[in-house]
Structures are given as structure tokens and as C-alpha cells.
Amino acid sequence: MYAIVEMAGQQFKVAKDQKVFVHRLDAKEGSKVSFDRVLLIDDNGSVTIGAPVVEGAAVEVKVLQHLKGDKVIVFKKKRRKGYQKQNGHRQYLTEVSIENIVSSGAKKATAKKAAPKKEEVKEVEAPAKEASVDYSSMTVAELKKVAKDKGISGISSMKKAELIEAISKA
């Protein structure tokens, strides 16, 4: 059984108990991480292709270690001009081990993360409707929205101080 999964912006063909080097993950060594962007699963001949991802599928991995890759030499030269530039670079990597490939029944982690963002937007809108609001702590985009709601014209060329003054006068 193997799967093609997107991890850290790259696609990998993985199988159980395989070790893979991916771009640096924001997880501690020894922790387990689940990736739900599975593009294809092959279970002994029965192939499931996602459009774009397979619903309910996930790949569970264990973070083994964080390390740096081999040094890559970048050499630039323009012939007959005397221009040479040499630079080096080492990529930050994470070594992961594939623990399990789940073909169905995986929980989506992205749905939980999307809900709090919507609530935060509602909290930002609520203070704008109150009578005594601290406009200096708001961003320019929020101030422009408040000014638009109050019917103030010419807000596109105003700076933050001008927006606060116009809103407080209206």
C-alpha cells in the first residue's frame, strides 16, 4: 500500500515504515503529525484518485529529527566581464517516518482552524459600532471600513490620522 501525499508544500510517494526528508516542519522531535492532503492511494491494486484530494484519507507520520541538508554551491559568472559570484546554502529539513496510511475515516484538522478566524472578524466589527471606541488601536483598513459605514467620502487617499479625525467629526 502506498500513497501520494502533499507534505510541507511538496508531493511524496510514501509507504508504511518509510523515512522521508521534508522541508522543516513546525513540530517537536518525537511528536506525531497527520497530513490530510492525500492525492492518491493504491491499496494492493485498487487505486483511489482524489479530485483534488481523497476525502477522509490521511497519512500519519512521526517526526524523527530536524537537520540541515548538504551544502549547495551557487556559482554565477559572466564570461569576459570579470564577474564571478559564489554563494552557498544549506536547506533546513525534517526527517519523518511514515507510521500509518488511513484510507477513510480521518478527521479534518483544517475545519477546526477556520472557525476561530470567523469569530475574530466578528469581534473586530463589534467595537466599531460602539460610541466610545479607541480608533488609534485600529488598522487603516478597519478605519476605512468604519468611515465607509458612516458615509465619509474620499477615504482612499486619507492617512490614519486623517481617518481618525474624519470619523470622530462624523
C-alpha atoms as a PDB file:
ATOM      1  CA  MET A   1       0.000   0.000   0.000  1.00  0.00           C
ATOM      2  CA  TYR A   2       1.340   3.427  -0.925  1.00  0.00           C
ATOM      3  CA  ALA A   3       0.018   6.975  -1.153  1.00  0.00           C
ATOM      4  CA  ILE A   4       0.962  10.239  -2.791  1.00  0.00           C
ATOM      5  CA  VAL A   5       0.673  12.947  -0.158  1.00  0.00           C
ATOM      6  CA  GLU A   6       1.463  16.656  -0.011  1.00  0.00           C
ATOM      7  CA  MET A   7       3.744  17.470   2.930  1.00  0.00           C
ATOM      8  CA  ALA A   8       5.266  20.905   3.540  1.00  0.00           C
ATOM      9  CA  GLY A   9       4.487  22.096   0.010  1.00  0.00           C
ATOM     10  CA  GLN A  10       5.918  19.064  -1.790  1.00  0.00           C
ATOM     11  CA  GLN A  11       4.396  15.810  -3.026  1.00  0.00           C
ATOM     12  CA  PHE A  12       5.855  12.485  -1.898  1.00  0.00           C
ATOM     13  CA  LYS A  13       5.147   8.852  -2.747  1.00  0.00           C
ATOM     14  CA  VAL A  14       5.159   7.169   0.657  1.00  0.00           C
ATOM     15  CA  ALA A  15       4.662   3.684   2.090  1.00  0.00           C
ATOM     16  CA  LYS A  16       4.384   2.431   5.666  1.00  0.00           C
ATOM     17  CA  ASP A  17       7.658   2.460   7.688  1.00  0.00           C
ATOM     18  CA  GLN A  18       9.412   4.606   5.065  1.00  0.00           C
ATOM     19  CA  LYS A  19      11.664   7.521   6.104  1.00  0.00           C
ATOM     20  CA  VAL A  20      11.362  10.783   4.173  1.00  0.00           C
ATOM     21  CA  PHE A  21      13.174  14.134   4.367  1.00  0.00           C
ATOM     22  CA  VAL A  22      10.741  17.080   4.022  1.00  0.00           C
ATOM     23  CA  HIS A  23      11.071  20.838   4.414  1.00  0.00           C
ATOM     24  CA  ARG A  24      11.294  21.873   8.078  1.00  0.00           C
ATOM     25  CA  LEU A  25       8.046  21.161   9.922  1.00  0.00           C
ATOM     26  CA  ASP A  26       6.878  23.192  12.897  1.00  0.00           C
ATOM     27  CA  ALA A  27       6.664  20.171  15.229  1.00  0.00           C
ATOM     28  CA  LYS A  28       8.824  18.826  18.037  1.00  0.00           C
ATOM     29  CA  GLU A  29      11.019  15.774  17.627  1.00  0.00           C
ATOM     30  CA  GLY A  30       9.131  12.623  18.622  1.00  0.00           C
ATOM     31  CA  SER A  31       5.691  14.137  18.010  1.00  0.00           C
ATOM     32  CA  LYS A  32       3.143  12.683  15.606  1.00  0.00           C
ATOM     33  CA  VAL A  33       1.662  14.717  12.753  1.00  0.00           C
ATOM     34  CA  SER A  34      -1.180  13.893  10.375  1.00  0.00           C
ATOM     35  CA  PHE A  35      -1.386  15.106   6.756  1.00  0.00           C
ATOM     36  CA  ASP A  36      -4.824  15.062   5.129  1.00  0.00           C
ATOM     37  CA  ARG A  37      -3.810  16.277   1.637  1.00  0.00           C
ATOM     38  CA  VAL A  38      -3.652  12.772   0.150  1.00  0.00           C
ATOM     39  CA  LEU A  39      -3.797  12.882  -3.650  1.00  0.00           C
ATOM     40  CA  LEU A  40      -3.755   9.155  -4.442  1.00  0.00           C
ATOM     41  CA  ILE A  41      -3.959   5.851  -2.569  1.00  0.00           C
ATOM     42  CA  ASP A  42      -3.040   2.448  -4.001  1.00  0.00           C
ATOM     43  CA  ASP A  43      -4.259  -0.418  -1.800  1.00  0.00           C
ATOM     44  CA  ASN A  44      -2.902  -3.569  -3.497  1.00  0.00           C
ATOM     45  CA  GLY A  45      -4.171  -2.702  -6.949  1.00  0.00           C
ATOM     46  CA  SER A  46      -7.302  -0.686  -6.084  1.00  0.00           C
ATOM     47  CA  VAL A  47      -6.336   2.890  -6.871  1.00  0.00           C
ATOM     48  CA  THR A  48      -8.272   5.848  -5.436  1.00  0.00           C
ATOM     49  CA  ILE A  49      -7.538   9.193  -7.058  1.00  0.00           C
ATOM     50  CA  GLY A  50      -8.618  12.413  -5.385  1.00  0.00           C
ATOM     51  CA  ALA A  51     -10.167  15.401  -7.055  1.00  0.00           C
ATOM     52  CA  PRO A  52      -8.000  17.170  -5.846  1.00  0.00           C
ATOM     53  CA  VAL A  53      -7.693  15.156  -2.585  1.00  0.00           C
ATOM     54  CA  VAL A  54      -9.091  11.833  -1.363  1.00  0.00           C
ATOM     55  CA  GLU A  55     -11.868  12.566   1.153  1.00  0.00           C
ATOM     56  CA  GLY A  56     -11.259  11.144   4.609  1.00  0.00           C
ATOM     57  CA  ALA A  57      -7.738   9.925   3.833  1.00  0.00           C
ATOM     58  CA  ALA A  58      -4.692  10.840   5.902  1.00  0.00           C
ATOM     59  CA  VAL A  59      -1.053   9.918   6.382  1.00  0.00           C
ATOM     60  CA  GLU A  60       0.218   9.788   9.958  1.00  0.00           C
ATOM     61  CA  VAL A  61       3.923  10.470  10.454  1.00  0.00           C
ATOM     62  CA  LYS A  62       6.328  10.656  13.378  1.00  0.00           C
ATOM     63  CA  VAL A  63       8.956  13.421  13.451  1.00  0.00           C
ATOM     64  CA  LEU A  64      12.352  11.765  13.948  1.00  0.00           C
ATOM     65  CA  GLN A  65      14.767  14.698  13.832  1.00  0.00           C
ATOM     66  CA  HIS A  66      15.435  18.202  12.496  1.00  0.00           C
ATOM     67  CA  LEU A  67      18.625  18.672  10.492  1.00  0.00           C
ATOM     68  CA  LYS A  68      20.312  20.620   7.722  1.00  0.00           C
ATOM     69  CA  GLY A  69      20.822  19.209   4.237  1.00  0.00           C
ATOM     70  CA  ASP A  70      24.005  19.067   2.191  1.00  0.00           C
ATOM     71  CA  LYS A  71      25.583  22.330   1.124  1.00  0.00           C
ATOM     72  CA  VAL A  72      24.534  23.580  -2.307  1.00  0.00           C
ATOM     73  CA  ILE A  73      27.033  25.808  -4.128  1.00  0.00           C
ATOM     74  CA  VAL A  74      25.565  28.597  -6.262  1.00  0.00           C
ATOM     75  CA  PHE A  75      28.137  29.963  -8.731  1.00  0.00           C
ATOM     76  CA  LYS A  76      27.392  32.804 -11.124  1.00  0.00           C
ATOM     77  CA  LYS A  77      29.726  34.000 -13.858  1.00  0.00           C
ATOM     78  CA  LYS A  78      29.544  36.310 -16.831  1.00  0.00           C
ATOM     79  CA  ARG A  79      32.262  35.426 -19.269  1.00  0.00           C
ATOM     80  CA  ARG A  80      34.698  38.064 -20.486  1.00  0.00           C
ATOM     81  CA  LYS A  81      33.360  40.555 -17.906  1.00  0.00           C
ATOM     82  CA  GLY A  82      35.369  39.559 -14.840  1.00  0.00           C
ATOM     83  CA  TYR A  83      32.193  38.865 -12.859  1.00  0.00           C
ATOM     84  CA  GLN A  84      32.162  35.853 -10.546  1.00  0.00           C
ATOM     85  CA  LYS A  85      29.952  35.306  -7.506  1.00  0.00           C
ATOM     86  CA  GLN A  86      29.955  32.207  -5.315  1.00  0.00           C
ATOM     87  CA  ASN A  87      27.346  31.565  -2.652  1.00  0.00           C
ATOM     88  CA  GLY A  88      26.442  28.581  -0.501  1.00  0.00           C
ATOM     89  CA  HIS A  89      23.250  27.417   1.136  1.00  0.00           C
ATOM     90  CA  ARG A  90      22.011  24.572   3.366  1.00  0.00           C
ATOM     91  CA  GLN A  91      18.314  23.671   3.464  1.00  0.00           C
ATOM     92  CA  TYR A  92      16.587  23.060   6.817  1.00  0.00           C
ATOM     93  CA  LEU A  93      14.969  19.597   6.745  1.00  0.00           C
ATOM     94  CA  THR A  94      12.905  17.317   8.957  1.00  0.00           C
ATOM     95  CA  GLU A  95      13.240  13.535   8.856  1.00  0.00           C
ATOM     96  CA  VAL A  96       9.866  11.824   9.277  1.00  0.00           C
ATOM     97  CA  SER A  97       8.840   8.178   9.450  1.00  0.00           C
ATOM     98  CA  ILE A  98       5.516   7.089   7.929  1.00  0.00           C
ATOM     99  CA  GLU A  99       3.523   5.432  10.728  1.00  0.00           C
ATOM    100  CA  ASN A 100       0.191   4.720   9.029  1.00  0.00           C
ATOM    101  CA  ILE A 101      -1.828   5.402   5.881  1.00  0.00           C
ATOM    102  CA  VAL A 102      -5.544   5.821   6.615  1.00  0.00           C
ATOM    103  CA  SER A 103      -7.742   5.459   3.543  1.00  0.00           C
ATOM    104  CA  SER A 104     -11.021   6.593   5.164  1.00  0.00           C
ATOM    105  CA  GLY A 105     -12.356   7.992   8.416  1.00  0.00           C
ATOM    106  CA  ALA A 106      -9.668  10.614   9.029  1.00  0.00           C
ATOM    107  CA  LYS A 107     -10.695  13.832  10.749  1.00  0.00           C
ATOM    108  CA  LYS A 108     -10.054  17.127   9.021  1.00  0.00           C
ATOM    109  CA  ALA A 109      -7.883  19.439  11.086  1.00  0.00           C
ATOM    110  CA  THR A 110      -8.422  22.445   8.810  1.00  0.00           C
ATOM    111  CA  ALA A 111     -12.130  22.789   9.634  1.00  0.00           C
ATOM    112  CA  LYS A 112     -11.350  23.474  13.289  1.00  0.00           C
ATOM    113  CA  LYS A 113      -8.772  26.122  12.443  1.00  0.00           C
ATOM    114  CA  ALA A 114     -11.075  28.019  10.063  1.00  0.00           C
ATOM    115  CA  ALA A 115     -13.859  28.588  12.615  1.00  0.00           C
ATOM    116  CA  PRO A 116     -11.931  30.827  15.081  1.00  0.00           C
ATOM    117  CA  LYS A 117     -10.878  33.179  12.281  1.00  0.00           C
ATOM    118  CA  LYS A 118     -14.512  33.975  11.524  1.00  0.00           C
ATOM    119  CA  GLU A 119     -15.183  34.706  15.199  1.00  0.00           C
ATOM    120  CA  GLU A 120     -12.214  37.077  15.369  1.00  0.00           C
ATOM    121  CA  VAL A 121     -13.642  39.092  12.478  1.00  0.00           C
ATOM    122  CA  LYS A 122     -16.928  39.470  14.330  1.00  0.00           C
ATOM    123  CA  GLU A 123     -15.098  40.732  17.425  1.00  0.00           C
ATOM    124  CA  VAL A 124     -13.340  43.410  15.375  1.00  0.00           C
ATOM    125  CA  GLU A 125     -16.624  44.666  13.905  1.00  0.00           C
ATOM    126  CA  ALA A 126     -18.364  44.942  17.289  1.00  0.00           C
ATOM    127  CA  PRO A 127     -16.180  47.756  18.772  1.00  0.00           C
ATOM    128  CA  ALA A 128     -16.631  49.870  15.624  1.00  0.00           C
ATOM    129  CA  LYS A 129     -20.361  50.243  16.348  1.00  0.00           C
ATOM    130  CA  GLU A 130     -19.927  51.444  19.962  1.00  0.00           C
ATOM    131  CA  ALA A 131     -19.953  55.166  20.813  1.00  0.00           C
ATOM    132  CA  SER A 132     -16.567  55.354  22.611  1.00  0.00           C
ATOM    133  CA  VAL A 133     -14.033  53.448  20.506  1.00  0.00           C
ATOM    134  CA  ASP A 134     -10.233  53.749  20.575  1.00  0.00           C
ATOM    135  CA  TYR A 135      -9.603  54.397  16.884  1.00  0.00           C
ATOM    136  CA  SER A 136      -5.837  54.714  17.325  1.00  0.00           C
ATOM    137  CA  SER A 137      -5.521  50.980  18.019  1.00  0.00           C
ATOM    138  CA  MET A 138      -7.350  50.067  14.785  1.00  0.00           C
ATOM    139  CA  THR A 139      -5.623  49.410  11.469  1.00  0.00           C
ATOM    140  CA  VAL A 140      -6.072  51.650   8.446  1.00  0.00           C
ATOM    141  CA  ALA A 141      -8.241  49.031   6.719  1.00  0.00           C
ATOM    142  CA  GLU A 142     -10.559  48.847   9.740  1.00  0.00           C
ATOM    143  CA  LEU A 143     -10.726  52.659   9.908  1.00  0.00           C
ATOM    144  CA  LYS A 144     -11.617  52.852   6.210  1.00  0.00           C
ATOM    145  CA  LYS A 145     -14.421  50.344   6.760  1.00  0.00           C
ATOM    146  CA  VAL A 146     -15.808  52.402   9.668  1.00  0.00           C
ATOM    147  CA  ALA A 147     -15.563  55.575   7.576  1.00  0.00           C
ATOM    148  CA  LYS A 148     -17.361  53.890   4.684  1.00  0.00           C
ATOM    149  CA  ASP A 149     -20.134  52.752   7.042  1.00  0.00           C
ATOM    150  CA  LYS A 150     -20.524  56.338   8.287  1.00  0.00           C
ATOM    151  CA  GLY A 151     -20.738  57.652   4.711  1.00  0.00           C
ATOM    152  CA  ILE A 152     -17.473  59.601   4.605  1.00  0.00           C
ATOM    153  CA  SER A 153     -16.168  60.187   1.066  1.00  0.00           C
ATOM    154  CA  GLY A 154     -12.573  60.474  -0.157  1.00  0.00           C
ATOM    155  CA  ILE A 155     -11.206  57.889   2.260  1.00  0.00           C
ATOM    156  CA  SER A 156      -8.899  56.196  -0.258  1.00  0.00           C
ATOM    157  CA  SER A 157      -6.276  58.976  -0.106  1.00  0.00           C
ATOM    158  CA  MET A 158      -6.504  59.632   3.669  1.00  0.00           C
ATOM    159  CA  LYS A 159      -3.812  58.687   6.128  1.00  0.00           C
ATOM    160  CA  LYS A 160      -4.540  57.108   9.525  1.00  0.00           C
ATOM    161  CA  ALA A 161      -4.617  60.390  11.464  1.00  0.00           C
ATOM    162  CA  GLU A 162      -6.909  61.992   8.881  1.00  0.00           C
ATOM    163  CA  LEU A 163      -9.252  58.982   9.001  1.00  0.00           C
ATOM    164  CA  ILE A 164      -9.485  59.141  12.811  1.00  0.00           C
ATOM    165  CA  GLU A 165     -10.221  62.879  12.671  1.00  0.00           C
ATOM    166  CA  ALA A 166     -12.910  62.451   9.977  1.00  0.00           C
ATOM    167  CA  ILE A 167     -14.584  59.572  11.832  1.00  0.00           C
ATOM    168  CA  SER A 168     -14.636  61.415  15.146  1.00  0.00           C
ATOM    169  CA  LYS A 169     -16.219  64.507  13.485  1.00  0.00           C
ATOM    170  CA  ALA A 170     -18.919  62.439  11.714  1.00  0.00           C
END
